[in-house]
Amino acid sequence: MLGHGESDVYRQIPDAQAGGGGMSLQRIFVPVDSYGQSDPALMQAARLSAVVGGQLRLVHVRMWDPVPRSVGARFYMETSEQATEVLYQALTRVWACGASASGVVVDAPRKRVALAIAAAARSWGAEVMVISRRPRTAIGVLLRGSLSAQLMREAGCPVLVTRQRRSWRSGTPGIGASRPAEP
């Protein structure tokens, strides 16, 4: 896991169009969420798919928390319909970019989301996974962990990481946020 302020280590992905026996990158896997944090990865994957003529596979994990054994049930964070709508909205966005894509919703306990995503990528035969990494404070990483770091460890394929930028005004994540020019 990377500490606060450390630079990322990136694995170089072989040229997708080179005929030198490199990876073809025809099977691009993207986990999507209901908060919009995966949007940079989704759009990067759609662009990559357009360049290499690849197939996208989107996955949304419907998380659940266990309840006491006496109840014998699960507490889901969203309904099946809500999870399907999240996936459908993401698919609609990549289809609008001209990408060929399919998707699936999987259920997993909150503590095993990364394992569920990695397993779905392996079972589909993903050649690359594209994920977003949002800015986090060091204390946030220590207390809650980092899904992107877990995915980089668990994935059975190369992982392309896109970053979200912080908004300069509020310190909240914002895609492509930049400070306005001085007058």
N, C-alpha and C. Protein backbone atom coordinates (compact mmCIF):
# COMPACT_ATOMS: atom_id res chain seq x y z
N MET A 1 0.85 -1.16 0.00
CA MET A 1 0.00 0.00 0.00
C MET A 1 0.90 1.23 0.00
N LEU A 2 0.50 2.25 -0.71
CA LEU A 2 1.26 3.47 -0.78
C LEU A 2 0.93 4.36 0.40
N GLY A 3 1.93 5.00 0.97
CA GLY A 3 1.71 5.95 2.04
C GLY A 3 1.33 7.30 1.47
N HIS A 4 0.88 8.17 2.33
CA HIS A 4 0.49 9.51 1.92
C HIS A 4 1.70 10.24 1.34
N GLY A 5 1.55 10.80 0.18
CA GLY A 5 2.61 11.57 -0.45
C GLY A 5 3.57 10.76 -1.29
N GLU A 6 3.49 9.42 -1.25
CA GLU A 6 4.35 8.60 -2.09
C GLU A 6 3.82 8.58 -3.51
N SER A 7 4.72 8.48 -4.45
CA SER A 7 4.28 8.43 -5.84
C SER A 7 3.83 7.03 -6.20
N ASP A 8 2.94 6.96 -7.18
CA ASP A 8 2.45 5.67 -7.65
C ASP A 8 3.51 4.97 -8.48
N VAL A 9 3.42 3.66 -8.49
CA VAL A 9 4.27 2.85 -9.37
C VAL A 9 3.34 2.30 -10.43
N TYR A 10 3.64 2.57 -11.67
CA TYR A 10 2.78 2.15 -12.77
C TYR A 10 3.45 1.02 -13.55
N ARG A 11 2.67 0.03 -13.88
CA ARG A 11 3.16 -1.05 -14.73
C ARG A 11 2.92 -0.62 -16.16
N GLN A 12 3.94 -0.67 -16.97
CA GLN A 12 3.79 -0.27 -18.36
C GLN A 12 2.99 -1.34 -19.09
N ILE A 13 1.99 -0.88 -19.81
CA ILE A 13 1.14 -1.78 -20.59
C ILE A 13 1.70 -1.82 -22.00
N PRO A 14 1.94 -3.01 -22.54
CA PRO A 14 2.48 -3.11 -23.90
C PRO A 14 1.59 -2.41 -24.92
N ASP A 15 2.20 -1.95 -26.00
CA ASP A 15 1.47 -1.28 -27.05
C ASP A 15 0.37 -2.19 -27.59
N ALA A 16 -0.85 -1.66 -27.53
CA ALA A 16 -2.00 -2.48 -27.90
C ALA A 16 -2.06 -2.79 -29.39
N GLN A 17 -1.44 -1.95 -30.22
CA GLN A 17 -1.55 -2.17 -31.65
C GLN A 17 -0.26 -2.72 -32.26
N ALA A 18 0.74 -2.93 -31.45
CA ALA A 18 1.99 -3.46 -31.98
C ALA A 18 1.81 -4.93 -32.30
N GLY A 19 2.45 -5.39 -33.33
CA GLY A 19 2.35 -6.78 -33.72
C GLY A 19 3.43 -7.64 -33.10
N GLY A 20 4.09 -7.14 -32.08
CA GLY A 20 5.22 -7.83 -31.48
C GLY A 20 4.86 -8.83 -30.42
N GLY A 21 3.68 -9.38 -30.43
CA GLY A 21 3.32 -10.41 -29.46
C GLY A 21 2.89 -9.85 -28.12
N GLY A 22 2.69 -8.53 -28.02
CA GLY A 22 2.22 -7.92 -26.79
C GLY A 22 0.76 -8.23 -26.55
N MET A 23 0.25 -7.68 -25.47
CA MET A 23 -1.15 -7.89 -25.14
C MET A 23 -2.05 -7.20 -26.15
N SER A 24 -3.18 -7.81 -26.43
CA SER A 24 -4.08 -7.22 -27.42
C SER A 24 -5.02 -6.20 -26.79
N LEU A 25 -5.26 -6.28 -25.50
CA LEU A 25 -6.15 -5.37 -24.78
C LEU A 25 -7.55 -5.33 -25.39
N GLN A 26 -8.02 -6.46 -25.83
CA GLN A 26 -9.35 -6.53 -26.42
C GLN A 26 -10.45 -6.70 -25.38
N ARG A 27 -10.09 -7.09 -24.16
CA ARG A 27 -11.07 -7.33 -23.10
C ARG A 27 -10.75 -6.40 -21.94
N ILE A 28 -11.50 -5.29 -21.89
CA ILE A 28 -11.23 -4.21 -20.93
C ILE A 28 -12.31 -4.24 -19.85
N PHE A 29 -11.89 -4.36 -18.62
CA PHE A 29 -12.80 -4.55 -17.48
C PHE A 29 -12.83 -3.28 -16.63
N VAL A 30 -14.04 -2.81 -16.29
CA VAL A 30 -14.19 -1.58 -15.52
C VAL A 30 -15.22 -1.75 -14.41
N PRO A 31 -14.80 -1.65 -13.14
CA PRO A 31 -15.79 -1.61 -12.05
C PRO A 31 -16.43 -0.22 -11.99
N VAL A 32 -17.74 -0.16 -11.79
CA VAL A 32 -18.44 1.12 -11.70
C VAL A 32 -19.16 1.22 -10.36
N ASP A 33 -19.32 2.45 -9.89
CA ASP A 33 -19.97 2.66 -8.61
C ASP A 33 -21.16 3.60 -8.77
N SER A 34 -21.91 3.77 -7.70
CA SER A 34 -23.10 4.62 -7.76
C SER A 34 -22.81 6.06 -7.37
N TYR A 35 -21.56 6.40 -7.08
CA TYR A 35 -21.23 7.75 -6.62
C TYR A 35 -20.53 8.59 -7.69
N GLY A 36 -20.28 8.02 -8.86
CA GLY A 36 -19.60 8.77 -9.91
C GLY A 36 -18.09 8.79 -9.79
N GLN A 37 -17.55 8.10 -8.80
CA GLN A 37 -16.09 8.09 -8.61
C GLN A 37 -15.39 7.27 -9.68
N SER A 38 -16.11 6.40 -10.34
CA SER A 38 -15.50 5.57 -11.39
C SER A 38 -15.61 6.23 -12.77
N ASP A 39 -16.19 7.41 -12.86
CA ASP A 39 -16.37 8.08 -14.16
C ASP A 39 -15.08 8.29 -14.93
N PRO A 40 -13.97 8.75 -14.30
CA PRO A 40 -12.74 8.91 -15.08
C PRO A 40 -12.26 7.59 -15.69
N ALA A 41 -12.36 6.51 -14.94
CA ALA A 41 -11.95 5.20 -15.46
C ALA A 41 -12.88 4.75 -16.58
N LEU A 42 -14.15 5.01 -16.42
CA LEU A 42 -15.13 4.61 -17.43
C LEU A 42 -14.86 5.30 -18.76
N MET A 43 -14.60 6.59 -18.71
CA MET A 43 -14.34 7.34 -19.95
C MET A 43 -12.98 6.96 -20.55
N GLN A 44 -11.98 6.72 -19.71
CA GLN A 44 -10.67 6.28 -20.21
C GLN A 44 -10.80 4.92 -20.89
N ALA A 45 -11.56 4.03 -20.28
CA ALA A 45 -11.76 2.70 -20.87
C ALA A 45 -12.51 2.79 -22.19
N ALA A 46 -13.50 3.69 -22.27
CA ALA A 46 -14.24 3.87 -23.53
C ALA A 46 -13.31 4.37 -24.63
N ARG A 47 -12.41 5.30 -24.29
CA ARG A 47 -11.45 5.79 -25.28
C ARG A 47 -10.48 4.69 -25.70
N LEU A 48 -9.99 3.92 -24.74
CA LEU A 48 -9.08 2.81 -25.04
C LEU A 48 -9.77 1.79 -25.93
N SER A 49 -11.01 1.49 -25.63
CA SER A 49 -11.77 0.54 -26.43
C SER A 49 -11.93 1.02 -27.86
N ALA A 50 -12.15 2.32 -28.01
CA ALA A 50 -12.30 2.88 -29.36
C ALA A 50 -10.99 2.76 -30.14
N VAL A 51 -9.86 2.95 -29.47
CA VAL A 51 -8.55 2.89 -30.14
C VAL A 51 -8.23 1.47 -30.58
N VAL A 52 -8.45 0.50 -29.69
CA VAL A 52 -8.04 -0.87 -30.00
C VAL A 52 -9.17 -1.74 -30.53
N GLY A 53 -10.39 -1.20 -30.55
CA GLY A 53 -11.53 -1.99 -31.03
C GLY A 53 -11.89 -3.10 -30.05
N GLY A 54 -11.71 -2.84 -28.77
CA GLY A 54 -11.94 -3.86 -27.76
C GLY A 54 -13.36 -3.89 -27.22
N GLN A 55 -13.60 -4.86 -26.39
CA GLN A 55 -14.88 -5.08 -25.73
C GLN A 55 -14.76 -4.65 -24.27
N LEU A 56 -15.71 -3.83 -23.79
CA LEU A 56 -15.74 -3.44 -22.39
C LEU A 56 -16.65 -4.36 -21.60
N ARG A 57 -16.26 -4.64 -20.38
CA ARG A 57 -17.13 -5.37 -19.45
C ARG A 57 -17.20 -4.53 -18.19
N LEU A 58 -18.40 -4.05 -17.86
CA LEU A 58 -18.60 -3.25 -16.66
C LEU A 58 -19.17 -4.14 -15.57
N VAL A 59 -18.75 -3.88 -14.34
CA VAL A 59 -19.29 -4.62 -13.21
C VAL A 59 -19.64 -3.63 -12.10
N HIS A 60 -20.79 -3.85 -11.50
CA HIS A 60 -21.19 -3.08 -10.33
C HIS A 60 -21.41 -4.08 -9.19
N VAL A 61 -20.80 -3.80 -8.06
CA VAL A 61 -20.93 -4.68 -6.90
C VAL A 61 -22.02 -4.14 -5.99
N ARG A 62 -23.01 -4.97 -5.74
CA ARG A 62 -24.06 -4.63 -4.78
C ARG A 62 -23.59 -5.17 -3.44
N MET A 63 -23.15 -4.25 -2.58
CA MET A 63 -22.56 -4.64 -1.30
C MET A 63 -23.63 -4.97 -0.28
N TRP A 64 -23.25 -5.86 0.63
CA TRP A 64 -24.12 -6.16 1.75
C TRP A 64 -23.30 -6.30 3.02
N ASP A 65 -23.96 -6.04 4.13
CA ASP A 65 -23.38 -6.23 5.46
C ASP A 65 -24.12 -7.37 6.13
N PRO A 66 -23.40 -8.22 6.83
CA PRO A 66 -24.09 -9.31 7.54
C PRO A 66 -24.86 -8.76 8.73
N VAL A 67 -25.93 -9.45 9.06
CA VAL A 67 -26.69 -9.13 10.27
C VAL A 67 -26.49 -10.29 11.23
N PRO A 68 -26.92 -10.16 12.47
CA PRO A 68 -26.73 -11.28 13.43
C PRO A 68 -27.25 -12.60 12.89
N ARG A 69 -26.54 -13.66 13.23
CA ARG A 69 -26.89 -15.00 12.72
C ARG A 69 -28.32 -15.41 13.03
N SER A 70 -28.85 -14.94 14.13
CA SER A 70 -30.21 -15.32 14.49
C SER A 70 -31.24 -14.82 13.48
N VAL A 71 -30.91 -13.72 12.80
CA VAL A 71 -31.82 -13.18 11.79
C VAL A 71 -31.68 -13.95 10.49
N GLY A 72 -30.43 -14.33 10.15
CA GLY A 72 -30.18 -15.12 8.95
C GLY A 72 -30.43 -14.37 7.66
N ALA A 73 -30.12 -13.10 7.62
CA ALA A 73 -30.36 -12.31 6.41
C ALA A 73 -29.14 -11.42 6.15
N ARG A 74 -29.27 -10.62 5.12
CA ARG A 74 -28.23 -9.67 4.74
C ARG A 74 -28.84 -8.28 4.64
N PHE A 75 -28.04 -7.26 4.93
CA PHE A 75 -28.48 -5.89 4.77
C PHE A 75 -27.77 -5.31 3.56
N TYR A 76 -28.52 -5.09 2.47
CA TYR A 76 -27.95 -4.55 1.24
C TYR A 76 -27.99 -3.03 1.27
N MET A 77 -26.94 -2.41 0.71
CA MET A 77 -26.84 -0.96 0.65
C MET A 77 -27.77 -0.38 -0.42
N GLU A 78 -28.14 -1.19 -1.40
CA GLU A 78 -29.03 -0.75 -2.47
C GLU A 78 -29.87 -1.94 -2.93
N THR A 79 -30.99 -1.64 -3.54
CA THR A 79 -31.85 -2.70 -4.05
C THR A 79 -31.28 -3.24 -5.36
N SER A 80 -31.81 -4.36 -5.80
CA SER A 80 -31.40 -4.92 -7.10
C SER A 80 -31.70 -3.94 -8.22
N GLU A 81 -32.84 -3.28 -8.14
CA GLU A 81 -33.23 -2.31 -9.17
C GLU A 81 -32.26 -1.13 -9.20
N GLN A 82 -31.86 -0.63 -8.03
CA GLN A 82 -30.91 0.48 -7.98
C GLN A 82 -29.55 0.07 -8.55
N ALA A 83 -29.10 -1.12 -8.20
CA ALA A 83 -27.82 -1.61 -8.71
C ALA A 83 -27.86 -1.77 -10.23
N THR A 84 -28.95 -2.29 -10.73
CA THR A 84 -29.11 -2.46 -12.18
C THR A 84 -29.15 -1.11 -12.87
N GLU A 85 -29.77 -0.12 -12.26
CA GLU A 85 -29.84 1.22 -12.84
C GLU A 85 -28.45 1.86 -12.90
N VAL A 86 -27.62 1.66 -11.87
CA VAL A 86 -26.25 2.17 -11.89
C VAL A 86 -25.49 1.58 -13.08
N LEU A 87 -25.61 0.28 -13.25
CA LEU A 87 -24.94 -0.39 -14.36
C LEU A 87 -25.48 0.10 -15.70
N TYR A 88 -26.80 0.23 -15.81
CA TYR A 88 -27.40 0.68 -17.06
C TYR A 88 -26.94 2.08 -17.43
N GLN A 89 -26.86 2.99 -16.46
CA GLN A 89 -26.40 4.36 -16.72
C GLN A 89 -24.96 4.35 -17.23
N ALA A 90 -24.10 3.53 -16.63
CA ALA A 90 -22.71 3.44 -17.08
C ALA A 90 -22.63 2.86 -18.49
N LEU A 91 -23.42 1.82 -18.75
CA LEU A 91 -23.44 1.24 -20.09
C LEU A 91 -23.92 2.25 -21.14
N THR A 92 -24.94 3.01 -20.80
CA THR A 92 -25.45 4.03 -21.71
C THR A 92 -24.37 5.05 -22.06
N ARG A 93 -23.57 5.43 -21.09
CA ARG A 93 -22.51 6.40 -21.34
C ARG A 93 -21.45 5.85 -22.31
N VAL A 94 -21.04 4.59 -22.12
CA VAL A 94 -20.01 4.05 -23.01
C VAL A 94 -20.58 3.71 -24.38
N TRP A 95 -21.84 3.30 -24.43
CA TRP A 95 -22.47 3.06 -25.73
C TRP A 95 -22.55 4.36 -26.52
N ALA A 96 -22.80 5.48 -25.84
CA ALA A 96 -22.86 6.78 -26.51
C ALA A 96 -21.51 7.16 -27.10
N CYS A 97 -20.44 6.63 -26.55
CA CYS A 97 -19.09 6.88 -27.08
C CYS A 97 -18.75 5.92 -28.22
N GLY A 98 -19.66 5.01 -28.54
CA GLY A 98 -19.44 4.06 -29.62
C GLY A 98 -18.73 2.79 -29.20
N ALA A 99 -18.60 2.57 -27.91
CA ALA A 99 -17.90 1.38 -27.42
C ALA A 99 -18.85 0.18 -27.35
N SER A 100 -18.30 -0.99 -27.60
CA SER A 100 -19.04 -2.23 -27.43
C SER A 100 -18.88 -2.65 -25.97
N ALA A 101 -20.00 -2.83 -25.27
CA ALA A 101 -19.91 -3.09 -23.84
C ALA A 101 -21.04 -3.98 -23.35
N SER A 102 -20.73 -4.72 -22.30
CA SER A 102 -21.73 -5.51 -21.58
C SER A 102 -21.47 -5.28 -20.10
N GLY A 103 -22.37 -5.76 -19.26
CA GLY A 103 -22.19 -5.53 -17.84
C GLY A 103 -22.86 -6.59 -16.99
N VAL A 104 -22.49 -6.58 -15.72
CA VAL A 104 -23.03 -7.53 -14.77
C VAL A 104 -23.04 -6.89 -13.38
N VAL A 105 -24.04 -7.25 -12.59
CA VAL A 105 -24.11 -6.86 -11.18
C VAL A 105 -23.78 -8.10 -10.36
N VAL A 106 -22.86 -7.96 -9.41
CA VAL A 106 -22.53 -9.07 -8.52
C VAL A 106 -22.77 -8.63 -7.08
N ASP A 107 -23.14 -9.57 -6.24
CA ASP A 107 -23.34 -9.31 -4.82
C ASP A 107 -22.10 -9.74 -4.05
N ALA A 108 -21.71 -8.95 -3.05
CA ALA A 108 -20.54 -9.31 -2.23
C ALA A 108 -20.63 -8.61 -0.88
N PRO A 109 -20.08 -9.25 0.15
CA PRO A 109 -20.00 -8.54 1.43
C PRO A 109 -19.06 -7.35 1.31
N ARG A 110 -19.31 -6.31 2.07
CA ARG A 110 -18.53 -5.07 1.98
C ARG A 110 -17.03 -5.32 2.10
N LYS A 111 -16.62 -6.23 2.95
CA LYS A 111 -15.20 -6.49 3.18
C LYS A 111 -14.54 -7.26 2.03
N ARG A 112 -15.33 -7.78 1.09
CA ARG A 112 -14.77 -8.59 0.01
C ARG A 112 -15.07 -8.04 -1.38
N VAL A 113 -15.29 -6.74 -1.46
CA VAL A 113 -15.61 -6.13 -2.75
C VAL A 113 -14.46 -6.31 -3.74
N ALA A 114 -13.23 -6.05 -3.31
CA ALA A 114 -12.08 -6.19 -4.22
C ALA A 114 -11.95 -7.62 -4.72
N LEU A 115 -12.15 -8.58 -3.84
CA LEU A 115 -12.06 -9.99 -4.26
C LEU A 115 -13.15 -10.33 -5.27
N ALA A 116 -14.36 -9.79 -5.06
CA ALA A 116 -15.47 -10.05 -5.99
C ALA A 116 -15.18 -9.44 -7.36
N ILE A 117 -14.63 -8.24 -7.38
CA ILE A 117 -14.30 -7.59 -8.65
C ILE A 117 -13.20 -8.36 -9.37
N ALA A 118 -12.15 -8.74 -8.63
CA ALA A 118 -11.04 -9.49 -9.23
C ALA A 118 -11.53 -10.84 -9.77
N ALA A 119 -12.41 -11.51 -9.04
CA ALA A 119 -12.95 -12.79 -9.49
C ALA A 119 -13.78 -12.63 -10.76
N ALA A 120 -14.58 -11.55 -10.82
CA ALA A 120 -15.39 -11.31 -12.02
C ALA A 120 -14.48 -11.01 -13.22
N ALA A 121 -13.40 -10.29 -13.00
CA ALA A 121 -12.47 -9.98 -14.09
C ALA A 121 -11.79 -11.25 -14.59
N ARG A 122 -11.37 -12.11 -13.66
CA ARG A 122 -10.73 -13.38 -14.06
C ARG A 122 -11.70 -14.27 -14.81
N SER A 123 -12.93 -14.39 -14.32
CA SER A 123 -13.88 -15.29 -14.97
C SER A 123 -14.26 -14.79 -16.37
N TRP A 124 -14.22 -13.49 -16.61
CA TRP A 124 -14.52 -12.94 -17.93
C TRP A 124 -13.30 -12.99 -18.85
N GLY A 125 -12.11 -13.16 -18.29
CA GLY A 125 -10.89 -13.20 -19.08
C GLY A 125 -10.36 -11.82 -19.42
N ALA A 126 -10.49 -10.89 -18.47
CA ALA A 126 -10.04 -9.51 -18.71
C ALA A 126 -8.55 -9.45 -19.00
N GLU A 127 -8.19 -8.62 -19.95
CA GLU A 127 -6.78 -8.42 -20.29
C GLU A 127 -6.22 -7.17 -19.62
N VAL A 128 -7.09 -6.26 -19.23
CA VAL A 128 -6.68 -5.07 -18.47
C VAL A 128 -7.90 -4.59 -17.68
N MET A 129 -7.64 -4.06 -16.48
CA MET A 129 -8.68 -3.47 -15.66
C MET A 129 -8.39 -1.98 -15.55
N VAL A 130 -9.43 -1.16 -15.72
CA VAL A 130 -9.27 0.28 -15.61
C VAL A 130 -10.06 0.75 -14.39
N ILE A 131 -9.37 1.41 -13.46
CA ILE A 131 -10.01 1.87 -12.23
C ILE A 131 -9.66 3.33 -11.96
N SER A 132 -10.47 3.97 -11.13
CA SER A 132 -10.19 5.34 -10.68
C SER A 132 -9.62 5.28 -9.28
N ARG A 133 -8.73 6.20 -9.02
CA ARG A 133 -8.17 6.34 -7.68
C ARG A 133 -8.44 7.76 -7.24
N ARG A 134 -9.23 7.89 -6.20
CA ARG A 134 -9.57 9.22 -5.73
C ARG A 134 -8.58 9.68 -4.67
N PRO A 135 -8.41 10.99 -4.54
CA PRO A 135 -7.50 11.50 -3.51
C PRO A 135 -8.00 11.12 -2.12
N ARG A 136 -7.11 10.64 -1.30
CA ARG A 136 -7.46 10.25 0.07
C ARG A 136 -6.43 10.81 1.02
N THR A 137 -6.86 11.12 2.21
CA THR A 137 -5.91 11.52 3.24
C THR A 137 -5.26 10.27 3.80
N ALA A 138 -4.12 10.45 4.43
CA ALA A 138 -3.42 9.31 5.01
C ALA A 138 -4.27 8.63 6.07
N ILE A 139 -4.95 9.40 6.88
CA ILE A 139 -5.80 8.81 7.94
C ILE A 139 -6.97 8.05 7.32
N GLY A 140 -7.50 8.56 6.21
CA GLY A 140 -8.60 7.86 5.54
C GLY A 140 -8.17 6.50 5.01
N VAL A 141 -6.95 6.43 4.46
CA VAL A 141 -6.43 5.16 3.97
C VAL A 141 -6.20 4.20 5.13
N LEU A 142 -5.68 4.71 6.23
CA LEU A 142 -5.43 3.86 7.40
C LEU A 142 -6.72 3.32 7.99
N LEU A 143 -7.74 4.16 8.09
CA LEU A 143 -8.99 3.75 8.72
C LEU A 143 -9.87 2.88 7.83
N ARG A 144 -9.94 3.25 6.55
CA ARG A 144 -10.88 2.56 5.66
C ARG A 144 -10.21 1.72 4.59
N GLY A 145 -8.92 1.87 4.41
CA GLY A 145 -8.24 1.13 3.36
C GLY A 145 -8.46 1.77 2.01
N SER A 146 -7.95 1.15 0.98
CA SER A 146 -8.07 1.68 -0.37
C SER A 146 -8.49 0.55 -1.30
N LEU A 147 -9.66 0.70 -1.90
CA LEU A 147 -10.15 -0.31 -2.83
C LEU A 147 -9.22 -0.42 -4.03
N SER A 148 -8.72 0.71 -4.52
CA SER A 148 -7.84 0.67 -5.68
C SER A 148 -6.55 -0.10 -5.37
N ALA A 149 -6.00 0.09 -4.17
CA ALA A 149 -4.79 -0.65 -3.79
C ALA A 149 -5.09 -2.15 -3.68
N GLN A 150 -6.24 -2.50 -3.13
CA GLN A 150 -6.62 -3.91 -3.04
C GLN A 150 -6.79 -4.51 -4.43
N LEU A 151 -7.39 -3.76 -5.35
CA LEU A 151 -7.58 -4.27 -6.70
C LEU A 151 -6.26 -4.48 -7.41
N MET A 152 -5.30 -3.57 -7.19
CA MET A 152 -3.99 -3.74 -7.83
C MET A 152 -3.29 -4.99 -7.32
N ARG A 153 -3.54 -5.36 -6.06
CA ARG A 153 -2.94 -6.58 -5.51
C ARG A 153 -3.67 -7.84 -5.97
N GLU A 154 -4.98 -7.78 -6.08
CA GLU A 154 -5.80 -8.97 -6.33
C GLU A 154 -6.04 -9.28 -7.80
N ALA A 155 -5.96 -8.27 -8.65
CA ALA A 155 -6.30 -8.46 -10.07
C ALA A 155 -5.32 -9.43 -10.73
N GLY A 156 -5.84 -10.26 -11.59
CA GLY A 156 -5.02 -11.21 -12.33
C GLY A 156 -4.59 -10.67 -13.69
N CYS A 157 -4.69 -9.34 -13.87
CA CYS A 157 -4.33 -8.70 -15.12
C CYS A 157 -3.73 -7.33 -14.79
N PRO A 158 -3.10 -6.67 -15.77
CA PRO A 158 -2.60 -5.32 -15.52
C PRO A 158 -3.75 -4.37 -15.15
N VAL A 159 -3.46 -3.39 -14.32
CA VAL A 159 -4.45 -2.42 -13.87
C VAL A 159 -4.01 -1.03 -14.31
N LEU A 160 -4.87 -0.36 -15.05
CA LEU A 160 -4.64 1.02 -15.46
C LEU A 160 -5.38 1.91 -14.47
N VAL A 161 -4.66 2.80 -13.80
CA VAL A 161 -5.25 3.63 -12.76
C VAL A 161 -5.38 5.06 -13.26
N THR A 162 -6.60 5.61 -13.18
CA THR A 162 -6.81 7.02 -13.48
C THR A 162 -7.01 7.73 -12.16
N ARG A 163 -6.61 8.96 -12.10
CA ARG A 163 -6.74 9.74 -10.87
C ARG A 163 -7.82 10.78 -11.01
N GLN A 164 -8.48 11.05 -9.88
CA GLN A 164 -9.38 12.18 -9.81
C GLN A 164 -8.61 13.32 -9.18
N ARG A 165 -8.92 14.51 -9.62
CA ARG A 165 -8.29 15.69 -9.02
C ARG A 165 -9.21 16.27 -7.96
N ARG A 166 -8.61 16.93 -6.98
CA ARG A 166 -9.40 17.63 -5.98
C ARG A 166 -9.82 18.99 -6.53
N SER A 167 -11.03 19.39 -6.19
CA SER A 167 -11.48 20.71 -6.55
C SER A 167 -10.65 21.72 -5.77
N TRP A 168 -10.22 22.78 -6.39
CA TRP A 168 -9.35 23.75 -5.72
C TRP A 168 -10.10 24.55 -4.67
N ARG A 169 -11.41 24.66 -4.77
CA ARG A 169 -12.18 25.46 -3.81
C ARG A 169 -12.49 24.70 -2.53
N SER A 170 -13.08 23.56 -2.64
CA SER A 170 -13.61 22.89 -1.46
C SER A 170 -12.79 21.71 -1.01
N GLY A 171 -11.81 21.30 -1.80
CA GLY A 171 -11.04 20.11 -1.42
C GLY A 171 -11.79 18.82 -1.70
N THR A 172 -12.91 18.91 -2.40
CA THR A 172 -13.67 17.71 -2.73
C THR A 172 -13.24 17.22 -4.09
N PRO A 173 -13.38 15.91 -4.32
CA PRO A 173 -12.99 15.40 -5.63
C PRO A 173 -13.80 16.04 -6.73
N GLY A 174 -13.12 16.36 -7.81
CA GLY A 174 -13.79 16.90 -8.98
C GLY A 174 -12.99 16.51 -10.21
N ILE A 175 -13.66 16.08 -11.22
CA ILE A 175 -12.97 15.61 -12.41
C ILE A 175 -12.49 16.81 -13.21
N GLY A 176 -11.19 16.88 -13.41
CA GLY A 176 -10.62 17.94 -14.22
C GLY A 176 -10.73 19.33 -13.59
N ALA A 177 -10.92 19.40 -12.28
CA ALA A 177 -11.06 20.70 -11.64
C ALA A 177 -9.73 21.45 -11.72
N SER A 178 -9.83 22.72 -12.03
CA SER A 178 -8.62 23.54 -12.09
C SER A 178 -8.95 24.93 -11.59
N ARG A 179 -7.93 25.62 -11.13
CA ARG A 179 -8.09 26.97 -10.60
C ARG A 179 -8.30 27.93 -11.77
N PRO A 180 -9.27 28.85 -11.65
CA PRO A 180 -9.49 29.80 -12.73
C PRO A 180 -8.31 30.75 -12.86
N ALA A 181 -8.16 31.32 -14.06
CA ALA A 181 -7.07 32.25 -14.32
C ALA A 181 -7.25 33.51 -13.49
N GLU A 182 -6.13 34.06 -13.04
CA GLU A 182 -6.15 35.30 -12.27
C GLU A 182 -6.48 36.45 -13.21
N PRO A 183 -7.27 37.45 -12.74
CA PRO A 183 -7.62 38.58 -13.61
C PRO A 183 -6.43 39.48 -13.87
